[in-house]
Amino acid sequence: MDKELINIRIALIKQISFVQERMSEIEAQSNLTIHQMADLERYASTLKFLSDTYRNLSV
């Protein structure tokens, strides 16, 4: 596998991990504000984009 492709995969994994951590931090709150709910929606969208990108690199 190309070293550049490996580096891209590693970077994607780090970003996916970061987004998951942020989502977990927000979800741990007992009372979510509308802003936190909007953040969760944006993070979910970002997570889908990152995971789709990772999956497409496997093709």
N, C-alpha and C. Protein backbone atom coordinates (compact mmCIF):
# COMPACT_ATOMS: atom_id res chain seq x y z
N MET A 1 0.84 -1.18 0.00
CA MET A 1 0.00 0.00 0.00
C MET A 1 0.89 1.24 0.00
N ASP A 2 0.47 2.23 -0.72
CA ASP A 2 1.20 3.49 -0.84
C ASP A 2 1.32 4.18 0.52
N LYS A 3 2.51 4.67 0.83
CA LYS A 3 2.74 5.34 2.12
C LYS A 3 1.83 6.55 2.30
N GLU A 4 1.58 7.30 1.24
CA GLU A 4 0.71 8.47 1.32
C GLU A 4 -0.72 8.05 1.69
N LEU A 5 -1.18 6.96 1.10
CA LEU A 5 -2.52 6.45 1.39
C LEU A 5 -2.61 6.00 2.85
N ILE A 6 -1.56 5.39 3.35
CA ILE A 6 -1.52 4.97 4.76
C ILE A 6 -1.60 6.20 5.66
N ASN A 7 -0.88 7.24 5.33
CA ASN A 7 -0.90 8.47 6.13
C ASN A 7 -2.30 9.11 6.11
N ILE A 8 -2.95 9.06 4.97
CA ILE A 8 -4.31 9.60 4.87
C ILE A 8 -5.25 8.79 5.76
N ARG A 9 -5.13 7.48 5.72
CA ARG A 9 -5.98 6.61 6.57
C ARG A 9 -5.74 6.90 8.05
N ILE A 10 -4.49 7.05 8.43
CA ILE A 10 -4.17 7.34 9.83
C ILE A 10 -4.80 8.67 10.24
N ALA A 11 -4.68 9.67 9.39
CA ALA A 11 -5.26 10.98 9.69
C ALA A 11 -6.78 10.89 9.82
N LEU A 12 -7.41 10.12 8.94
CA LEU A 12 -8.86 9.95 9.02
C LEU A 12 -9.26 9.26 10.32
N ILE A 13 -8.51 8.23 10.71
CA ILE A 13 -8.81 7.53 11.96
C ILE A 13 -8.69 8.48 13.15
N LYS A 14 -7.68 9.33 13.15
CA LYS A 14 -7.52 10.30 14.24
C LYS A 14 -8.69 11.27 14.28
N GLN A 15 -9.13 11.73 13.11
CA GLN A 15 -10.26 12.66 13.05
C GLN A 15 -11.55 11.98 13.51
N ILE A 16 -11.75 10.74 13.07
CA ILE A 16 -12.94 9.98 13.49
C ILE A 16 -12.94 9.83 15.01
N SER A 17 -11.80 9.49 15.58
CA SER A 17 -11.68 9.33 17.02
C SER A 17 -11.99 10.64 17.74
N PHE A 18 -11.46 11.74 17.24
CA PHE A 18 -11.71 13.05 17.85
C PHE A 18 -13.20 13.38 17.84
N VAL A 19 -13.85 13.18 16.71
CA VAL A 19 -15.27 13.49 16.59
C VAL A 19 -16.08 12.61 17.55
N GLN A 20 -15.74 11.34 17.64
CA GLN A 20 -16.44 10.44 18.56
C GLN A 20 -16.27 10.89 20.01
N GLU A 21 -15.07 11.32 20.36
CA GLU A 21 -14.83 11.81 21.72
C GLU A 21 -15.67 13.05 22.02
N ARG A 22 -15.70 13.97 21.08
CA ARG A 22 -16.49 15.19 21.28
C ARG A 22 -17.98 14.85 21.43
N MET A 23 -18.47 13.93 20.60
CA MET A 23 -19.87 13.53 20.70
C MET A 23 -20.15 12.90 22.06
N SER A 24 -19.24 12.07 22.53
CA SER A 24 -19.41 11.42 23.84
C SER A 24 -19.44 12.45 24.96
N GLU A 25 -18.59 13.46 24.88
CA GLU A 25 -18.57 14.51 25.89
C GLU A 25 -19.90 15.25 25.94
N ILE A 26 -20.44 15.55 24.79
CA ILE A 26 -21.71 16.26 24.73
C ILE A 26 -22.85 15.36 25.23
N GLU A 27 -22.85 14.11 24.80
CA GLU A 27 -23.91 13.19 25.20
C GLU A 27 -23.89 12.90 26.69
N ALA A 28 -22.76 13.08 27.35
CA ALA A 28 -22.65 12.83 28.78
C ALA A 28 -23.35 13.91 29.62
N GLN A 29 -23.65 15.03 29.00
CA GLN A 29 -24.34 16.11 29.71
C GLN A 29 -25.76 15.67 30.06
N SER A 30 -26.22 16.09 31.23
CA SER A 30 -27.57 15.68 31.65
C SER A 30 -28.66 16.48 30.92
N ASN A 31 -28.44 17.74 30.72
CA ASN A 31 -29.40 18.59 30.01
C ASN A 31 -28.71 19.23 28.82
N LEU A 32 -29.13 18.85 27.62
CA LEU A 32 -28.52 19.39 26.41
C LEU A 32 -29.21 20.69 26.00
N THR A 33 -28.39 21.66 25.62
CA THR A 33 -28.93 22.90 25.08
C THR A 33 -29.18 22.70 23.58
N ILE A 34 -29.90 23.62 23.00
CA ILE A 34 -30.16 23.57 21.56
C ILE A 34 -28.84 23.64 20.78
N HIS A 35 -27.89 24.37 21.33
CA HIS A 35 -26.58 24.49 20.67
C HIS A 35 -25.82 23.17 20.70
N GLN A 36 -25.91 22.47 21.81
CA GLN A 36 -25.25 21.17 21.91
C GLN A 36 -25.92 20.16 20.98
N MET A 37 -27.23 20.24 20.87
CA MET A 37 -27.94 19.35 19.95
C MET A 37 -27.52 19.63 18.51
N ALA A 38 -27.37 20.90 18.18
CA ALA A 38 -26.92 21.27 16.84
C ALA A 38 -25.48 20.78 16.61
N ASP A 39 -24.65 20.90 17.65
CA ASP A 39 -23.27 20.40 17.55
C ASP A 39 -23.27 18.90 17.29
N LEU A 40 -24.12 18.16 18.00
CA LEU A 40 -24.22 16.72 17.79
C LEU A 40 -24.61 16.39 16.36
N GLU A 41 -25.54 17.16 15.83
CA GLU A 41 -25.96 16.92 14.45
C GLU A 41 -24.82 17.17 13.47
N ARG A 42 -24.08 18.24 13.70
CA ARG A 42 -22.93 18.54 12.84
C ARG A 42 -21.85 17.48 12.97
N TYR A 43 -21.59 17.05 14.20
CA TYR A 43 -20.59 16.00 14.42
C TYR A 43 -21.02 14.70 13.75
N ALA A 44 -22.30 14.37 13.82
CA ALA A 44 -22.80 13.15 13.18
C ALA A 44 -22.59 13.22 11.67
N SER A 45 -22.86 14.38 11.10
CA SER A 45 -22.66 14.57 9.67
C SER A 45 -21.18 14.45 9.30
N THR A 46 -20.33 15.05 10.11
CA THR A 46 -18.90 14.98 9.88
C THR A 46 -18.40 13.55 10.01
N LEU A 47 -18.90 12.83 11.03
CA LEU A 47 -18.50 11.45 11.23
C LEU A 47 -18.89 10.58 10.03
N LYS A 48 -20.07 10.80 9.50
CA LYS A 48 -20.51 10.05 8.32
C LYS A 48 -19.59 10.35 7.13
N PHE A 49 -19.27 11.62 6.92
CA PHE A 49 -18.38 12.01 5.83
C PHE A 49 -17.01 11.35 5.98
N LEU A 50 -16.44 11.41 7.19
CA LEU A 50 -15.13 10.82 7.42
C LEU A 50 -15.14 9.30 7.21
N SER A 51 -16.17 8.65 7.72
CA SER A 51 -16.23 7.19 7.58
C SER A 51 -16.47 6.78 6.13
N ASP A 52 -17.29 7.55 5.41
CA ASP A 52 -17.48 7.27 3.97
C ASP A 52 -16.19 7.45 3.20
N THR A 53 -15.45 8.47 3.55
CA THR A 53 -14.16 8.72 2.89
C THR A 53 -13.19 7.57 3.16
N TYR A 54 -13.14 7.13 4.42
CA TYR A 54 -12.26 6.01 4.77
C TYR A 54 -12.67 4.75 3.99
N ARG A 55 -13.96 4.49 3.96
CA ARG A 55 -14.45 3.30 3.24
C ARG A 55 -14.11 3.38 1.74
N ASN A 56 -14.25 4.55 1.15
CA ASN A 56 -13.96 4.71 -0.26
C ASN A 56 -12.48 4.55 -0.59
N LEU A 57 -11.61 4.77 0.39
CA LEU A 57 -10.19 4.55 0.18
C LEU A 57 -9.86 3.07 0.06
N SER A 58 -10.75 2.24 0.59
CA SER A 58 -10.53 0.79 0.56
C SER A 58 -10.84 0.19 -0.80
N VAL A 59 -11.55 0.92 -1.62
CA VAL A 59 -11.99 0.39 -2.93
C VAL A 59 -10.85 0.34 -3.90
